[in-house]
All heavy atoms as atom14 arrays in JSON, in Angstrom:
{
  "sequence": "GQVRYAIEGREAVVSMSISSKYRGRGFGSQGIRMTCGELFKNNEID",
  "atom14_mask": [
    [1, 1, 1, 1, 0, 0, 0, 0, 0, 0, 0, 0, 0, 0],
    [1, 1, 1, 1, 1, 1, 1, 1, 1, 0, 0, 0, 0, 0],
    [1, 1, 1, 1, 1, 1, 1, 0, 0, 0, 0, 0, 0, 0],
    [1, 1, 1, 1, 1, 1, 1, 1, 1, 1, 1, 0, 0, 0],
    [1, 1, 1, 1, 1, 1, 1, 1, 1, 1, 1, 1, 0, 0],
    [1, 1, 1, 1, 1, 0, 0, 0, 0, 0, 0, 0, 0, 0],
    [1, 1, 1, 1, 1, 1, 1, 1, 0, 0, 0, 0, 0, 0],
    [1, 1, 1, 1, 1, 1, 1, 1, 1, 0, 0, 0, 0, 0],
    [1, 1, 1, 1, 0, 0, 0, 0, 0, 0, 0, 0, 0, 0],
    [1, 1, 1, 1, 1, 1, 1, 1, 1, 1, 1, 0, 0, 0],
    [1, 1, 1, 1, 1, 1, 1, 1, 1, 0, 0, 0, 0, 0],
    [1, 1, 1, 1, 1, 0, 0, 0, 0, 0, 0, 0, 0, 0],
    [1, 1, 1, 1, 1, 1, 1, 0, 0, 0, 0, 0, 0, 0],
    [1, 1, 1, 1, 1, 1, 1, 0, 0, 0, 0, 0, 0, 0],
    [1, 1, 1, 1, 1, 1, 0, 0, 0, 0, 0, 0, 0, 0],
    [1, 1, 1, 1, 1, 1, 1, 1, 0, 0, 0, 0, 0, 0],
    [1, 1, 1, 1, 1, 1, 0, 0, 0, 0, 0, 0, 0, 0],
    [1, 1, 1, 1, 1, 1, 1, 1, 0, 0, 0, 0, 0, 0],
    [1, 1, 1, 1, 1, 1, 0, 0, 0, 0, 0, 0, 0, 0],
    [1, 1, 1, 1, 1, 1, 0, 0, 0, 0, 0, 0, 0, 0],
    [1, 1, 1, 1, 1, 1, 1, 1, 1, 0, 0, 0, 0, 0],
    [1, 1, 1, 1, 1, 1, 1, 1, 1, 1, 1, 1, 0, 0],
    [1, 1, 1, 1, 1, 1, 1, 1, 1, 1, 1, 0, 0, 0],
    [1, 1, 1, 1, 0, 0, 0, 0, 0, 0, 0, 0, 0, 0],
    [1, 1, 1, 1, 1, 1, 1, 1, 1, 1, 1, 0, 0, 0],
    [1, 1, 1, 1, 0, 0, 0, 0, 0, 0, 0, 0, 0, 0],
    [1, 1, 1, 1, 1, 1, 1, 1, 1, 1, 1, 0, 0, 0],
    [1, 1, 1, 1, 0, 0, 0, 0, 0, 0, 0, 0, 0, 0],
    [1, 1, 1, 1, 1, 1, 0, 0, 0, 0, 0, 0, 0, 0],
    [1, 1, 1, 1, 1, 1, 1, 1, 1, 0, 0, 0, 0, 0],
    [1, 1, 1, 1, 0, 0, 0, 0, 0, 0, 0, 0, 0, 0],
    [1, 1, 1, 1, 1, 1, 1, 1, 0, 0, 0, 0, 0, 0],
    [1, 1, 1, 1, 1, 1, 1, 1, 1, 1, 1, 0, 0, 0],
    [1, 1, 1, 1, 1, 1, 1, 1, 0, 0, 0, 0, 0, 0],
    [1, 1, 1, 1, 1, 1, 1, 0, 0, 0, 0, 0, 0, 0],
    [1, 1, 1, 1, 1, 1, 0, 0, 0, 0, 0, 0, 0, 0],
    [1, 1, 1, 1, 0, 0, 0, 0, 0, 0, 0, 0, 0, 0],
    [1, 1, 1, 1, 1, 1, 1, 1, 1, 0, 0, 0, 0, 0],
    [1, 1, 1, 1, 1, 1, 1, 1, 0, 0, 0, 0, 0, 0],
    [1, 1, 1, 1, 1, 1, 1, 1, 1, 1, 1, 0, 0, 0],
    [1, 1, 1, 1, 1, 1, 1, 1, 1, 0, 0, 0, 0, 0],
    [1, 1, 1, 1, 1, 1, 1, 1, 0, 0, 0, 0, 0, 0],
    [1, 1, 1, 1, 1, 1, 1, 1, 0, 0, 0, 0, 0, 0],
    [1, 1, 1, 1, 1, 1, 1, 1, 1, 0, 0, 0, 0, 0],
    [1, 1, 1, 1, 1, 1, 1, 1, 0, 0, 0, 0, 0, 0],
    [1, 1, 1, 1, 1, 1, 1, 1, 0, 0, 0, 0, 0, 0]
  ],
  "atom14_positions": [
    [[200.29, 109.25, 261.93], [200.28, 107.86, 262.37], [199.36, 107.05, 261.48], [198.97, 107.49, 260.41], [0.0, 0.0, 0.0], [0.0, 0.0, 0.0], [0.0, 0.0, 0.0], [0.0, 0.0, 0.0], [0.0, 0.0, 0.0], [0.0, 0.0, 0.0], [0.0, 0.0, 0.0], [0.0, 0.0, 0.0], [0.0, 0.0, 0.0], [0.0, 0.0, 0.0]],
    [[199.03, 105.86, 261.98], [198.13, 105.0, 261.22], [197.24, 104.21, 262.17], [197.61, 103.92, 263.29], [198.92, 104.05, 260.33], [199.82, 103.1, 261.06], [200.59, 102.21, 260.1], [200.37, 102.22, 258.9], [201.48, 101.42, 260.64], [0.0, 0.0, 0.0], [0.0, 0.0, 0.0], [0.0, 0.0, 0.0], [0.0, 0.0, 0.0], [0.0, 0.0, 0.0]],
    [[196.03, 103.91, 261.68], [195.08, 103.08, 262.39], [194.7, 101.96, 261.43], [194.37, 102.23, 260.27], [193.83, 103.89, 262.81], [192.88, 103.02, 263.61], [194.21, 105.14, 263.6], [0.0, 0.0, 0.0], [0.0, 0.0, 0.0], [0.0, 0.0, 0.0], [0.0, 0.0, 0.0], [0.0, 0.0, 0.0], [0.0, 0.0, 0.0], [0.0, 0.0, 0.0]],
    [[194.78, 100.73, 261.92], [194.45, 99.57, 261.08], [193.32, 98.76, 261.72], [193.25, 98.69, 262.96], [195.69, 98.67, 260.94], [196.84, 99.31, 260.23], [198.09, 98.42, 260.25], [198.55, 98.06, 261.57], [199.3, 98.83, 262.37], [199.65, 100.03, 261.97], [199.68, 98.41, 263.55], [0.0, 0.0, 0.0], [0.0, 0.0, 0.0], [0.0, 0.0, 0.0]],
    [[192.48, 98.18, 260.87], [191.38, 97.34, 261.35], [191.4, 96.0, 260.64], [191.59, 95.95, 259.42], [190.04, 98.03, 261.07], [189.85, 99.28, 261.88], [190.22, 100.52, 261.37], [189.31, 99.23, 263.15], [190.06, 101.68, 262.11], [189.14, 100.38, 263.9], [189.52, 101.6, 263.37], [189.36, 102.74, 264.12], [0.0, 0.0, 0.0], [0.0, 0.0, 0.0]],
    [[191.19, 94.95, 261.4], [191.02, 93.6, 260.84], [189.6, 93.17, 261.18], [189.26, 93.0, 262.36], [192.03, 92.64, 261.44], [0.0, 0.0, 0.0], [0.0, 0.0, 0.0], [0.0, 0.0, 0.0], [0.0, 0.0, 0.0], [0.0, 0.0, 0.0], [0.0, 0.0, 0.0], [0.0, 0.0, 0.0], [0.0, 0.0, 0.0], [0.0, 0.0, 0.0]],
    [[188.76, 93.04, 260.16], [187.36, 92.66, 260.39], [187.29, 91.15, 260.54], [187.79, 90.4, 259.7], [186.46, 93.16, 259.24], [186.5, 94.69, 259.23], [185.03, 92.64, 259.41], [185.76, 95.33, 258.07], [0.0, 0.0, 0.0], [0.0, 0.0, 0.0], [0.0, 0.0, 0.0], [0.0, 0.0, 0.0], [0.0, 0.0, 0.0], [0.0, 0.0, 0.0]],
    [[186.64, 90.73, 261.64], [186.47, 89.32, 261.95], [185.0, 89.09, 262.28], [184.58, 89.3, 263.41], [187.36, 88.92, 263.12], [188.84, 89.15, 262.85], [189.72, 88.96, 264.08], [189.19, 88.72, 265.19], [190.94, 89.06, 263.93], [0.0, 0.0, 0.0], [0.0, 0.0, 0.0], [0.0, 0.0, 0.0], [0.0, 0.0, 0.0], [0.0, 0.0, 0.0]],
    [[184.21, 88.71, 261.29], [182.78, 88.53, 261.49], [182.09, 89.86, 261.72], [182.21, 90.78, 260.92], [0.0, 0.0, 0.0], [0.0, 0.0, 0.0], [0.0, 0.0, 0.0], [0.0, 0.0, 0.0], [0.0, 0.0, 0.0], [0.0, 0.0, 0.0], [0.0, 0.0, 0.0], [0.0, 0.0, 0.0], [0.0, 0.0, 0.0], [0.0, 0.0, 0.0]],
    [[181.39, 89.99, 262.84], [180.65, 91.21, 263.16], [181.46, 92.18, 264.03], [180.92, 93.16, 264.54], [179.34, 90.87, 263.87], [178.38, 90.0, 263.08], [177.65, 90.71, 262.0], [176.86, 91.82, 262.51], [176.13, 92.61, 261.74], [176.08, 92.41, 260.44], [175.47, 93.62, 262.25], [0.0, 0.0, 0.0], [0.0, 0.0, 0.0], [0.0, 0.0, 0.0]],
    [[182.75, 91.87, 264.22], [183.63, 92.74, 264.99], [184.88, 93.05, 264.19], [185.21, 92.37, 263.23], [184.07, 92.06, 266.3], [183.03, 92.02, 267.36], [183.59, 91.51, 268.68], [184.8, 91.29, 268.82], [182.76, 91.33, 269.58], [0.0, 0.0, 0.0], [0.0, 0.0, 0.0], [0.0, 0.0, 0.0], [0.0, 0.0, 0.0], [0.0, 0.0, 0.0]],
    [[185.58, 94.07, 264.64], [186.88, 94.41, 264.07], [187.87, 94.53, 265.23], [187.49, 94.86, 266.35], [186.82, 95.72, 263.29], [0.0, 0.0, 0.0], [0.0, 0.0, 0.0], [0.0, 0.0, 0.0], [0.0, 0.0, 0.0], [0.0, 0.0, 0.0], [0.0, 0.0, 0.0], [0.0, 0.0, 0.0], [0.0, 0.0, 0.0], [0.0, 0.0, 0.0]],
    [[189.12, 94.25, 264.92], [190.2, 94.44, 265.89], [191.04, 95.6, 265.37], [191.42, 95.62, 264.2], [191.04, 93.17, 266.05], [192.21, 93.42, 266.99], [190.18, 92.02, 266.55], [0.0, 0.0, 0.0], [0.0, 0.0, 0.0], [0.0, 0.0, 0.0], [0.0, 0.0, 0.0], [0.0, 0.0, 0.0], [0.0, 0.0, 0.0], [0.0, 0.0, 0.0]],
    [[191.31, 96.56, 266.23], [192.02, 97.77, 265.85], [193.44, 97.75, 266.4], [193.69, 97.21, 267.47], [191.28, 99.04, 266.35], [191.15, 99.05, 267.85], [191.97, 100.31, 265.87], [0.0, 0.0, 0.0], [0.0, 0.0, 0.0], [0.0, 0.0, 0.0], [0.0, 0.0, 0.0], [0.0, 0.0, 0.0], [0.0, 0.0, 0.0], [0.0, 0.0, 0.0]],
    [[194.35, 98.31, 265.62], [195.7, 98.58, 266.1], [196.12, 99.93, 265.54], [195.62, 100.36, 264.5], [196.68, 97.48, 265.69], [196.74, 97.38, 264.29], [0.0, 0.0, 0.0], [0.0, 0.0, 0.0], [0.0, 0.0, 0.0], [0.0, 0.0, 0.0], [0.0, 0.0, 0.0], [0.0, 0.0, 0.0], [0.0, 0.0, 0.0], [0.0, 0.0, 0.0]],
    [[197.01, 100.59, 266.24], [197.41, 101.92, 265.8], [198.83, 102.22, 266.22], [199.37, 101.59, 267.11], [196.47, 102.98, 266.36], [196.54, 103.11, 267.87], [195.85, 104.62, 268.52], [196.91, 105.83, 267.84], [0.0, 0.0, 0.0], [0.0, 0.0, 0.0], [0.0, 0.0, 0.0], [0.0, 0.0, 0.0], [0.0, 0.0, 0.0], [0.0, 0.0, 0.0]],
    [[199.41, 103.19, 265.54], [200.71, 103.72, 265.94], [200.75, 105.2, 265.58], [200.16, 105.62, 264.59], [201.85, 102.96, 265.27], [201.79, 103.11, 263.87], [0.0, 0.0, 0.0], [0.0, 0.0, 0.0], [0.0, 0.0, 0.0], [0.0, 0.0, 0.0], [0.0, 0.0, 0.0], [0.0, 0.0, 0.0], [0.0, 0.0, 0.0], [0.0, 0.0, 0.0]],
    [[201.41, 105.95, 266.41], [201.57, 107.39, 266.2], [203.07, 107.66, 266.11], [203.86, 107.15, 266.91], [200.97, 108.21, 267.37], [199.47, 107.94, 267.51], [201.23, 109.7, 267.21], [198.63, 108.41, 266.35], [0.0, 0.0, 0.0], [0.0, 0.0, 0.0], [0.0, 0.0, 0.0], [0.0, 0.0, 0.0], [0.0, 0.0, 0.0], [0.0, 0.0, 0.0]],
    [[203.46, 108.48, 265.14], [204.85, 108.87, 264.99], [205.36, 109.48, 266.3], [204.64, 110.25, 266.94], [204.98, 109.88, 263.85], [206.28, 110.4, 263.77], [0.0, 0.0, 0.0], [0.0, 0.0, 0.0], [0.0, 0.0, 0.0], [0.0, 0.0, 0.0], [0.0, 0.0, 0.0], [0.0, 0.0, 0.0], [0.0, 0.0, 0.0], [0.0, 0.0, 0.0]],
    [[206.56, 109.13, 266.69], [207.1, 109.58, 267.98], [207.06, 111.1, 268.15], [206.83, 111.6, 269.24], [208.51, 109.05, 268.19], [209.37, 109.5, 267.17], [0.0, 0.0, 0.0], [0.0, 0.0, 0.0], [0.0, 0.0, 0.0], [0.0, 0.0, 0.0], [0.0, 0.0, 0.0], [0.0, 0.0, 0.0], [0.0, 0.0, 0.0], [0.0, 0.0, 0.0]],
    [[207.25, 111.85, 267.09], [207.26, 113.31, 267.23], [205.87, 113.91, 267.44], [205.75, 115.08, 267.79], [207.99, 113.97, 266.06], [207.26, 114.06, 264.77], [208.21, 114.65, 263.71], [207.55, 115.62, 262.81], [208.42, 116.17, 261.79], [0.0, 0.0, 0.0], [0.0, 0.0, 0.0], [0.0, 0.0, 0.0], [0.0, 0.0, 0.0], [0.0, 0.0, 0.0]],
    [[204.81, 113.11, 267.25], [203.45, 113.61, 267.44], [202.75, 113.01, 268.66], [201.58, 113.3, 268.9], [202.61, 113.32, 266.19], [203.05, 114.13, 265.0], [203.72, 113.54, 263.94], [202.81, 115.5, 264.95], [204.13, 114.29, 262.84], [203.22, 116.26, 263.86], [203.88, 115.64, 262.82], [204.29, 116.39, 261.74], [0.0, 0.0, 0.0], [0.0, 0.0, 0.0]],
    [[203.43, 112.17, 269.41], [202.81, 111.54, 270.58], [202.55, 112.56, 271.67], [203.24, 113.56, 271.8], [203.7, 110.42, 271.1], [203.75, 109.26, 270.14], [204.61, 108.13, 270.66], [204.76, 107.14, 269.58], [205.78, 106.35, 269.46], [206.75, 106.36, 270.35], [205.83, 105.49, 268.44], [0.0, 0.0, 0.0], [0.0, 0.0, 0.0], [0.0, 0.0, 0.0]],
    [[201.49, 112.29, 272.45], [201.16, 113.15, 273.58], [200.36, 114.39, 273.22], [200.18, 115.28, 274.05], [0.0, 0.0, 0.0], [0.0, 0.0, 0.0], [0.0, 0.0, 0.0], [0.0, 0.0, 0.0], [0.0, 0.0, 0.0], [0.0, 0.0, 0.0], [0.0, 0.0, 0.0], [0.0, 0.0, 0.0], [0.0, 0.0, 0.0], [0.0, 0.0, 0.0]],
    [[199.86, 114.46, 272.0], [199.1, 115.64, 271.55], [197.62, 115.35, 271.3], [196.9, 116.19, 270.78], [199.71, 116.18, 270.26], [201.13, 116.63, 270.42], [201.62, 117.25, 269.15], [203.05, 117.45, 269.16], [203.72, 118.0, 268.17], [203.09, 118.41, 267.09], [205.03, 118.15, 268.24], [0.0, 0.0, 0.0], [0.0, 0.0, 0.0], [0.0, 0.0, 0.0]],
    [[197.17, 114.13, 271.63], [195.76, 113.78, 271.45], [195.41, 113.24, 270.08], [194.24, 112.97, 269.8], [0.0, 0.0, 0.0], [0.0, 0.0, 0.0], [0.0, 0.0, 0.0], [0.0, 0.0, 0.0], [0.0, 0.0, 0.0], [0.0, 0.0, 0.0], [0.0, 0.0, 0.0], [0.0, 0.0, 0.0], [0.0, 0.0, 0.0], [0.0, 0.0, 0.0]],
    [[196.4, 113.08, 269.21], [196.12, 112.56, 267.87], [195.64, 111.11, 267.9], [194.86, 110.7, 267.06], [197.35, 112.67, 266.96], [197.71, 114.07, 266.59], [198.95, 114.58, 266.91], [196.81, 114.89, 265.92], [199.31, 115.88, 266.57], [197.15, 116.19, 265.57], [198.4, 116.69, 265.9], [0.0, 0.0, 0.0], [0.0, 0.0, 0.0], [0.0, 0.0, 0.0]],
    [[196.12, 110.33, 268.88], [195.73, 108.93, 268.96], [194.23, 108.76, 269.16], [193.56, 108.11, 268.37], [0.0, 0.0, 0.0], [0.0, 0.0, 0.0], [0.0, 0.0, 0.0], [0.0, 0.0, 0.0], [0.0, 0.0, 0.0], [0.0, 0.0, 0.0], [0.0, 0.0, 0.0], [0.0, 0.0, 0.0], [0.0, 0.0, 0.0], [0.0, 0.0, 0.0]],
    [[193.7, 109.38, 270.2], [192.26, 109.24, 270.47], [191.42, 109.87, 269.37], [190.37, 109.34, 268.99], [191.9, 109.83, 271.84], [192.29, 111.17, 271.93], [0.0, 0.0, 0.0], [0.0, 0.0, 0.0], [0.0, 0.0, 0.0], [0.0, 0.0, 0.0], [0.0, 0.0, 0.0], [0.0, 0.0, 0.0], [0.0, 0.0, 0.0], [0.0, 0.0, 0.0]],
    [[191.89, 110.97, 268.82], [191.16, 111.62, 267.73], [191.13, 110.71, 266.49], [190.08, 110.54, 265.87], [191.83, 112.95, 267.39], [191.14, 113.73, 266.3], [191.88, 115.02, 265.97], [192.96, 115.31, 266.48], [191.29, 115.82, 265.11], [0.0, 0.0, 0.0], [0.0, 0.0, 0.0], [0.0, 0.0, 0.0], [0.0, 0.0, 0.0], [0.0, 0.0, 0.0]],
    [[192.26, 110.13, 266.14], [192.32, 109.24, 264.98], [191.49, 107.99, 265.17], [190.81, 107.52, 264.25], [0.0, 0.0, 0.0], [0.0, 0.0, 0.0], [0.0, 0.0, 0.0], [0.0, 0.0, 0.0], [0.0, 0.0, 0.0], [0.0, 0.0, 0.0], [0.0, 0.0, 0.0], [0.0, 0.0, 0.0], [0.0, 0.0, 0.0], [0.0, 0.0, 0.0]],
    [[191.51, 107.44, 266.38], [190.73, 106.24, 266.67], [189.24, 106.55, 266.51], [188.51, 105.83, 265.83], [191.01, 105.73, 268.1], [192.45, 105.24, 268.23], [190.04, 104.62, 268.48], [192.92, 105.09, 269.67], [0.0, 0.0, 0.0], [0.0, 0.0, 0.0], [0.0, 0.0, 0.0], [0.0, 0.0, 0.0], [0.0, 0.0, 0.0], [0.0, 0.0, 0.0]],
    [[188.79, 107.62, 267.11], [187.36, 107.96, 267.07], [186.9, 108.24, 265.64], [185.85, 107.77, 265.22], [187.09, 109.18, 267.96], [185.62, 109.44, 268.13], [185.31, 109.65, 269.6], [183.9, 109.92, 269.76], [183.06, 109.08, 270.32], [183.48, 107.92, 270.77], [181.8, 109.37, 270.46], [0.0, 0.0, 0.0], [0.0, 0.0, 0.0], [0.0, 0.0, 0.0]],
    [[187.68, 109.01, 264.88], [187.3, 109.33, 263.5], [187.22, 108.07, 262.64], [186.27, 107.89, 261.89], [188.3, 110.29, 262.88], [188.19, 111.71, 263.38], [189.44, 112.86, 262.73], [190.2, 112.05, 261.38], [0.0, 0.0, 0.0], [0.0, 0.0, 0.0], [0.0, 0.0, 0.0], [0.0, 0.0, 0.0], [0.0, 0.0, 0.0], [0.0, 0.0, 0.0]],
    [[188.22, 107.21, 262.75], [188.24, 106.02, 261.89], [187.21, 104.99, 262.33], [186.66, 104.28, 261.5], [189.65, 105.41, 261.81], [190.1, 105.06, 263.13], [190.63, 106.37, 261.18], [0.0, 0.0, 0.0], [0.0, 0.0, 0.0], [0.0, 0.0, 0.0], [0.0, 0.0, 0.0], [0.0, 0.0, 0.0], [0.0, 0.0, 0.0], [0.0, 0.0, 0.0]],
    [[186.92, 104.93, 263.63], [185.85, 104.03, 264.1], [184.52, 104.43, 263.48], [183.76, 103.57, 263.02], [185.73, 104.07, 265.62], [186.96, 103.18, 266.53], [0.0, 0.0, 0.0], [0.0, 0.0, 0.0], [0.0, 0.0, 0.0], [0.0, 0.0, 0.0], [0.0, 0.0, 0.0], [0.0, 0.0, 0.0], [0.0, 0.0, 0.0], [0.0, 0.0, 0.0]],
    [[184.24, 105.72, 263.47], [182.99, 106.2, 262.87], [182.87, 105.8, 261.41], [181.82, 105.33, 260.95], [0.0, 0.0, 0.0], [0.0, 0.0, 0.0], [0.0, 0.0, 0.0], [0.0, 0.0, 0.0], [0.0, 0.0, 0.0], [0.0, 0.0, 0.0], [0.0, 0.0, 0.0], [0.0, 0.0, 0.0], [0.0, 0.0, 0.0], [0.0, 0.0, 0.0]],
    [[183.95, 105.97, 260.66], [183.95, 105.58, 259.24], [183.79, 104.08, 259.08], [183.06, 103.62, 258.19], [185.24, 106.05, 258.57], [185.3, 107.54, 258.35], [184.17, 108.06, 257.47], [183.9, 107.47, 256.4], [183.53, 109.06, 257.87], [0.0, 0.0, 0.0], [0.0, 0.0, 0.0], [0.0, 0.0, 0.0], [0.0, 0.0, 0.0], [0.0, 0.0, 0.0]],
    [[184.45, 103.32, 259.92], [184.35, 101.86, 259.83], [182.92, 101.4, 260.08], [182.39, 100.58, 259.36], [185.32, 101.21, 260.82], [185.49, 99.71, 260.64], [186.31, 99.41, 259.39], [186.16, 99.1, 261.86], [0.0, 0.0, 0.0], [0.0, 0.0, 0.0], [0.0, 0.0, 0.0], [0.0, 0.0, 0.0], [0.0, 0.0, 0.0], [0.0, 0.0, 0.0]],
    [[182.28, 101.96, 261.11], [180.9, 101.58, 261.42], [179.94, 101.99, 260.29], [179.02, 101.26, 259.97], [180.44, 102.2, 262.74], [180.97, 101.51, 263.96], [181.61, 102.22, 264.94], [180.83, 100.14, 264.12], [182.1, 101.6, 266.08], [181.31, 99.49, 265.25], [181.94, 100.23, 266.23], [0.0, 0.0, 0.0], [0.0, 0.0, 0.0], [0.0, 0.0, 0.0]],
    [[180.16, 103.14, 259.69], [179.27, 103.61, 258.62], [179.4, 102.75, 257.36], [178.43, 102.6, 256.62], [179.59, 105.06, 258.26], [179.15, 106.06, 259.28], [179.57, 107.46, 258.86], [179.38, 108.45, 259.98], [179.92, 109.77, 259.64], [0.0, 0.0, 0.0], [0.0, 0.0, 0.0], [0.0, 0.0, 0.0], [0.0, 0.0, 0.0], [0.0, 0.0, 0.0]],
    [[180.58, 102.23, 257.1], [180.84, 101.55, 255.83], [180.93, 100.04, 255.92], [181.21, 99.38, 254.91], [182.14, 102.1, 255.22], [182.0, 103.57, 254.88], [181.08, 103.97, 254.2], [182.91, 104.38, 255.39], [0.0, 0.0, 0.0], [0.0, 0.0, 0.0], [0.0, 0.0, 0.0], [0.0, 0.0, 0.0], [0.0, 0.0, 0.0], [0.0, 0.0, 0.0]],
    [[180.69, 99.45, 257.09], [180.78, 98.0, 257.26], [179.68, 97.52, 258.19], [179.24, 98.26, 259.06], [182.14, 97.61, 257.84], [183.28, 97.93, 256.91], [183.59, 97.16, 256.02], [183.89, 99.1, 257.09], [0.0, 0.0, 0.0], [0.0, 0.0, 0.0], [0.0, 0.0, 0.0], [0.0, 0.0, 0.0], [0.0, 0.0, 0.0], [0.0, 0.0, 0.0]],
    [[179.28, 96.3, 258.01], [178.25, 95.73, 258.87], [178.9, 95.02, 260.05], [178.96, 93.8, 260.11], [177.37, 94.77, 258.07], [176.53, 95.48, 257.02], [175.53, 94.57, 256.35], [175.11, 93.58, 256.96], [175.16, 94.87, 255.21], [0.0, 0.0, 0.0], [0.0, 0.0, 0.0], [0.0, 0.0, 0.0], [0.0, 0.0, 0.0], [0.0, 0.0, 0.0]],
    [[179.39, 95.84, 260.98], [179.97, 95.31, 262.2], [179.27, 95.93, 263.39], [178.67, 97.0, 263.29], [181.5, 95.56, 262.28], [181.8, 97.05, 262.26], [182.24, 94.83, 261.17], [183.23, 97.37, 262.58], [0.0, 0.0, 0.0], [0.0, 0.0, 0.0], [0.0, 0.0, 0.0], [0.0, 0.0, 0.0], [0.0, 0.0, 0.0], [0.0, 0.0, 0.0]],
    [[179.33, 95.23, 264.53], [178.65, 95.7, 265.74], [179.6, 96.35, 266.74], [179.17, 97.14, 267.57], [177.95, 94.53, 266.43], [176.87, 93.93, 265.54], [176.15, 94.69, 264.88], [176.77, 92.69, 265.51], [0.0, 0.0, 0.0], [0.0, 0.0, 0.0], [0.0, 0.0, 0.0], [0.0, 0.0, 0.0], [0.0, 0.0, 0.0], [0.0, 0.0, 0.0]]
  ]
}
C-alpha cells in the first residue's frame, strides 16, 4: 500500500491505502506507525 503526508505548518495530514489483497492483516496500522516515526524524525512538526 501507500501512506502519504501533506505538511501544513507544524502539522501533517495523512492519507493511506492498502491493496485489497493485503487488507485485514495489520499492514495499515504498522505502515502508519512506521511512517509517522520517520516523518517526526525528519521534519519539524508537532
